[in-house]
Amino acid sequence: MNMPNIIFFIIAIVAIFIIGKIFAWPLKVLLNLIVNGIAGGILLWLINLVGGNFGLVIPINAITALIAGILGIPGVLFLIILNYLR
């Protein structure tokens, strides 16, 4: 192997590594949204299940599901606070 082939090989390996990193970032964000959405949905369901006995009911609609899905557990806590403020 001559020197230009070795340099090209090294550049190709670095380029593949950089492209892999670029595509991994959105995947992490998507995975984080999925985990937050599942945790928020389960927590909303549990709050309605248990809180119904105490008068704490958060209606599950598009807005509350979106807040709980994007923000996760802090979003559900925000919804509880908003429920007490109204």
N, C-alpha and C. Protein backbone atom coordinates (compact mmCIF):
# COMPACT_ATOMS: atom_id res chain seq x y z
N MET A 1 0.85 -1.18 0.00
CA MET A 1 0.00 0.00 0.00
C MET A 1 0.89 1.24 0.00
N ASN A 2 0.47 2.16 -0.80
CA ASN A 2 1.23 3.40 -0.82
C ASN A 2 0.59 4.43 0.11
N MET A 3 1.25 5.52 0.32
CA MET A 3 0.86 6.52 1.31
C MET A 3 -0.50 7.16 1.00
N PRO A 4 -0.85 7.53 -0.24
CA PRO A 4 -2.17 8.13 -0.48
C PRO A 4 -3.32 7.18 -0.12
N ASN A 5 -3.17 5.88 -0.32
CA ASN A 5 -4.22 4.94 0.05
C ASN A 5 -4.41 4.87 1.56
N ILE A 6 -3.34 4.92 2.29
CA ILE A 6 -3.41 4.88 3.76
C ILE A 6 -4.10 6.14 4.28
N ILE A 7 -3.76 7.29 3.73
CA ILE A 7 -4.38 8.56 4.14
C ILE A 7 -5.88 8.54 3.81
N PHE A 8 -6.23 8.05 2.63
CA PHE A 8 -7.63 7.95 2.24
C PHE A 8 -8.39 7.01 3.19
N PHE A 9 -7.78 5.92 3.57
CA PHE A 9 -8.39 4.96 4.48
C PHE A 9 -8.65 5.61 5.84
N ILE A 10 -7.69 6.36 6.35
CA ILE A 10 -7.84 7.03 7.65
C ILE A 10 -8.95 8.08 7.57
N ILE A 11 -8.98 8.85 6.49
CA ILE A 11 -10.03 9.87 6.32
C ILE A 11 -11.41 9.21 6.24
N ALA A 12 -11.50 8.08 5.55
CA ALA A 12 -12.78 7.38 5.43
C ALA A 12 -13.25 6.87 6.79
N ILE A 13 -12.37 6.35 7.61
CA ILE A 13 -12.73 5.86 8.95
C ILE A 13 -13.22 7.02 9.82
N VAL A 14 -12.53 8.15 9.77
CA VAL A 14 -12.94 9.32 10.56
C VAL A 14 -14.30 9.84 10.08
N ALA A 15 -14.52 9.86 8.77
CA ALA A 15 -15.80 10.32 8.22
C ALA A 15 -16.94 9.40 8.66
N ILE A 16 -16.73 8.12 8.65
CA ILE A 16 -17.76 7.16 9.08
C ILE A 16 -18.07 7.38 10.57
N PHE A 17 -17.05 7.62 11.36
CA PHE A 17 -17.25 7.86 12.79
C PHE A 17 -18.07 9.14 13.00
N ILE A 18 -17.76 10.20 12.28
CA ILE A 18 -18.47 11.47 12.43
C ILE A 18 -19.93 11.33 11.98
N ILE A 19 -20.15 10.65 10.87
CA ILE A 19 -21.52 10.43 10.38
C ILE A 19 -22.32 9.59 11.38
N GLY A 20 -21.70 8.60 11.98
CA GLY A 20 -22.36 7.80 13.00
C GLY A 20 -22.77 8.62 14.21
N LYS A 21 -21.91 9.53 14.62
CA LYS A 21 -22.23 10.41 15.76
C LYS A 21 -23.39 11.33 15.42
N ILE A 22 -23.40 11.86 14.19
CA ILE A 22 -24.47 12.77 13.78
C ILE A 22 -25.82 12.06 13.80
N PHE A 23 -25.88 10.81 13.35
CA PHE A 23 -27.15 10.08 13.33
C PHE A 23 -27.53 9.53 14.71
N ALA A 24 -26.59 9.43 15.62
CA ALA A 24 -26.89 8.90 16.96
C ALA A 24 -27.59 9.95 17.82
N TRP A 25 -27.32 11.24 17.62
CA TRP A 25 -27.94 12.28 18.44
C TRP A 25 -29.45 12.29 18.32
N PRO A 26 -30.03 12.32 17.11
CA PRO A 26 -31.50 12.31 17.03
C PRO A 26 -32.11 11.03 17.61
N LEU A 27 -31.40 9.92 17.50
CA LEU A 27 -31.91 8.67 18.05
C LEU A 27 -32.00 8.75 19.57
N LYS A 28 -31.03 9.39 20.21
CA LYS A 28 -31.08 9.56 21.66
C LYS A 28 -32.25 10.45 22.07
N VAL A 29 -32.49 11.51 21.30
CA VAL A 29 -33.60 12.41 21.61
C VAL A 29 -34.93 11.68 21.43
N LEU A 30 -35.06 10.90 20.37
CA LEU A 30 -36.28 10.15 20.13
C LEU A 30 -36.51 9.12 21.23
N LEU A 31 -35.47 8.43 21.64
CA LEU A 31 -35.59 7.44 22.71
C LEU A 31 -35.98 8.11 24.02
N ASN A 32 -35.43 9.29 24.28
CA ASN A 32 -35.76 10.03 25.49
C ASN A 32 -37.24 10.45 25.47
N LEU A 33 -37.75 10.88 24.32
CA LEU A 33 -39.16 11.24 24.22
C LEU A 33 -40.07 10.04 24.43
N ILE A 34 -39.67 8.90 23.91
CA ILE A 34 -40.48 7.68 24.08
C ILE A 34 -40.54 7.28 25.55
N VAL A 35 -39.39 7.31 26.23
CA VAL A 35 -39.35 6.94 27.65
C VAL A 35 -40.17 7.93 28.48
N ASN A 36 -40.03 9.24 28.20
CA ASN A 36 -40.81 10.24 28.92
C ASN A 36 -42.30 10.06 28.67
N GLY A 37 -42.66 9.75 27.44
CA GLY A 37 -44.07 9.56 27.11
C GLY A 37 -44.68 8.38 27.84
N ILE A 38 -43.95 7.29 27.88
CA ILE A 38 -44.45 6.10 28.59
C ILE A 38 -44.56 6.36 30.08
N ALA A 39 -43.53 6.99 30.66
CA ALA A 39 -43.56 7.29 32.10
C ALA A 39 -44.68 8.27 32.43
N GLY A 40 -44.86 9.28 31.60
CA GLY A 40 -45.92 10.26 31.84
C GLY A 40 -47.30 9.65 31.71
N GLY A 41 -47.51 8.80 30.72
CA GLY A 41 -48.80 8.16 30.53
C GLY A 41 -49.16 7.23 31.67
N ILE A 42 -48.20 6.45 32.11
CA ILE A 42 -48.43 5.54 33.24
C ILE A 42 -48.72 6.33 34.51
N LEU A 43 -47.98 7.42 34.71
CA LEU A 43 -48.19 8.23 35.91
C LEU A 43 -49.56 8.92 35.87
N LEU A 44 -49.99 9.40 34.70
CA LEU A 44 -51.33 9.98 34.59
C LEU A 44 -52.40 8.95 34.92
N TRP A 45 -52.23 7.76 34.41
CA TRP A 45 -53.19 6.70 34.67
C TRP A 45 -53.24 6.36 36.17
N LEU A 46 -52.05 6.25 36.80
CA LEU A 46 -52.00 5.94 38.22
C LEU A 46 -52.61 7.04 39.07
N ILE A 47 -52.35 8.29 38.69
CA ILE A 47 -52.92 9.41 39.45
C ILE A 47 -54.44 9.40 39.35
N ASN A 48 -54.95 9.13 38.16
CA ASN A 48 -56.41 9.06 38.01
C ASN A 48 -57.00 7.86 38.74
N LEU A 49 -56.26 6.77 38.79
CA LEU A 49 -56.73 5.57 39.47
C LEU A 49 -56.78 5.78 40.98
N VAL A 50 -55.71 6.27 41.55
CA VAL A 50 -55.63 6.46 42.99
C VAL A 50 -56.25 7.79 43.41
N GLY A 51 -55.97 8.85 42.65
CA GLY A 51 -56.45 10.17 43.02
C GLY A 51 -57.95 10.34 42.87
N GLY A 52 -58.59 9.46 42.12
CA GLY A 52 -60.05 9.54 41.99
C GLY A 52 -60.75 9.38 43.32
N ASN A 53 -60.15 8.63 44.22
CA ASN A 53 -60.72 8.45 45.57
C ASN A 53 -60.60 9.71 46.41
N PHE A 54 -59.66 10.58 46.07
CA PHE A 54 -59.41 11.79 46.85
C PHE A 54 -59.85 13.06 46.12
N GLY A 55 -60.49 12.91 44.98
CA GLY A 55 -60.95 14.08 44.23
C GLY A 55 -59.91 14.65 43.28
N LEU A 56 -58.83 13.96 43.06
CA LEU A 56 -57.79 14.44 42.14
C LEU A 56 -57.90 13.65 40.84
N VAL A 57 -58.47 14.28 39.83
CA VAL A 57 -58.62 13.64 38.53
C VAL A 57 -58.06 14.60 37.47
N ILE A 58 -57.15 14.11 36.68
CA ILE A 58 -56.61 14.88 35.57
C ILE A 58 -57.16 14.26 34.29
N PRO A 59 -57.99 14.99 33.56
CA PRO A 59 -58.55 14.41 32.35
C PRO A 59 -57.45 14.11 31.33
N ILE A 60 -57.54 12.95 30.73
CA ILE A 60 -56.55 12.57 29.72
C ILE A 60 -57.10 12.96 28.36
N ASN A 61 -56.55 14.05 27.83
CA ASN A 61 -56.91 14.52 26.50
C ASN A 61 -55.63 14.83 25.73
N ALA A 62 -55.76 15.45 24.59
CA ALA A 62 -54.58 15.69 23.75
C ALA A 62 -53.57 16.61 24.44
N ILE A 63 -54.04 17.63 25.11
CA ILE A 63 -53.13 18.59 25.75
C ILE A 63 -52.39 17.96 26.92
N THR A 64 -53.13 17.29 27.81
CA THR A 64 -52.47 16.69 28.97
C THR A 64 -51.55 15.54 28.55
N ALA A 65 -51.95 14.79 27.52
CA ALA A 65 -51.09 13.71 27.04
C ALA A 65 -49.82 14.27 26.42
N LEU A 66 -49.93 15.39 25.71
CA LEU A 66 -48.76 16.02 25.11
C LEU A 66 -47.81 16.55 26.17
N ILE A 67 -48.36 17.20 27.19
CA ILE A 67 -47.51 17.72 28.28
C ILE A 67 -46.83 16.57 29.02
N ALA A 68 -47.58 15.54 29.35
CA ALA A 68 -47.01 14.40 30.06
C ALA A 68 -46.04 13.64 29.16
N GLY A 69 -46.30 13.59 27.87
CA GLY A 69 -45.43 12.85 26.96
C GLY A 69 -44.11 13.54 26.71
N ILE A 70 -44.13 14.85 26.59
CA ILE A 70 -42.89 15.58 26.31
C ILE A 70 -42.08 15.79 27.58
N LEU A 71 -42.75 16.20 28.64
CA LEU A 71 -42.02 16.53 29.86
C LEU A 71 -41.86 15.36 30.82
N GLY A 72 -42.66 14.31 30.66
CA GLY A 72 -42.54 13.15 31.53
C GLY A 72 -43.08 13.41 32.92
N ILE A 73 -42.36 12.96 33.92
CA ILE A 73 -42.80 13.09 35.31
C ILE A 73 -42.93 14.56 35.74
N PRO A 74 -41.98 15.45 35.40
CA PRO A 74 -42.20 16.86 35.75
C PRO A 74 -43.45 17.45 35.10
N GLY A 75 -43.79 16.99 33.93
CA GLY A 75 -45.01 17.45 33.27
C GLY A 75 -46.26 17.03 34.01
N VAL A 76 -46.25 15.82 34.54
CA VAL A 76 -47.40 15.34 35.32
C VAL A 76 -47.50 16.13 36.62
N LEU A 77 -46.38 16.43 37.25
CA LEU A 77 -46.41 17.26 38.46
C LEU A 77 -46.95 18.65 38.14
N PHE A 78 -46.58 19.20 36.98
CA PHE A 78 -47.10 20.48 36.53
C PHE A 78 -48.61 20.42 36.35
N LEU A 79 -49.12 19.32 35.80
CA LEU A 79 -50.56 19.16 35.61
C LEU A 79 -51.28 19.07 36.95
N ILE A 80 -50.67 18.43 37.94
CA ILE A 80 -51.27 18.34 39.27
C ILE A 80 -51.36 19.72 39.89
N ILE A 81 -50.30 20.51 39.77
CA ILE A 81 -50.29 21.87 40.30
C ILE A 81 -51.35 22.72 39.61
N LEU A 82 -51.45 22.59 38.29
CA LEU A 82 -52.47 23.34 37.55
C LEU A 82 -53.87 22.92 37.98
N ASN A 83 -54.04 21.65 38.30
CA ASN A 83 -55.35 21.17 38.75
C ASN A 83 -55.74 21.82 40.07
N TYR A 84 -54.79 22.01 40.96
CA TYR A 84 -55.09 22.64 42.24
C TYR A 84 -55.30 24.15 42.10
N LEU A 85 -54.70 24.76 41.09
CA LEU A 85 -54.83 26.21 40.92
C LEU A 85 -56.16 26.61 40.28
N ARG A 86 -56.83 25.69 39.60
CA ARG A 86 -58.09 26.12 38.98
C ARG A 86 -59.24 26.03 39.88
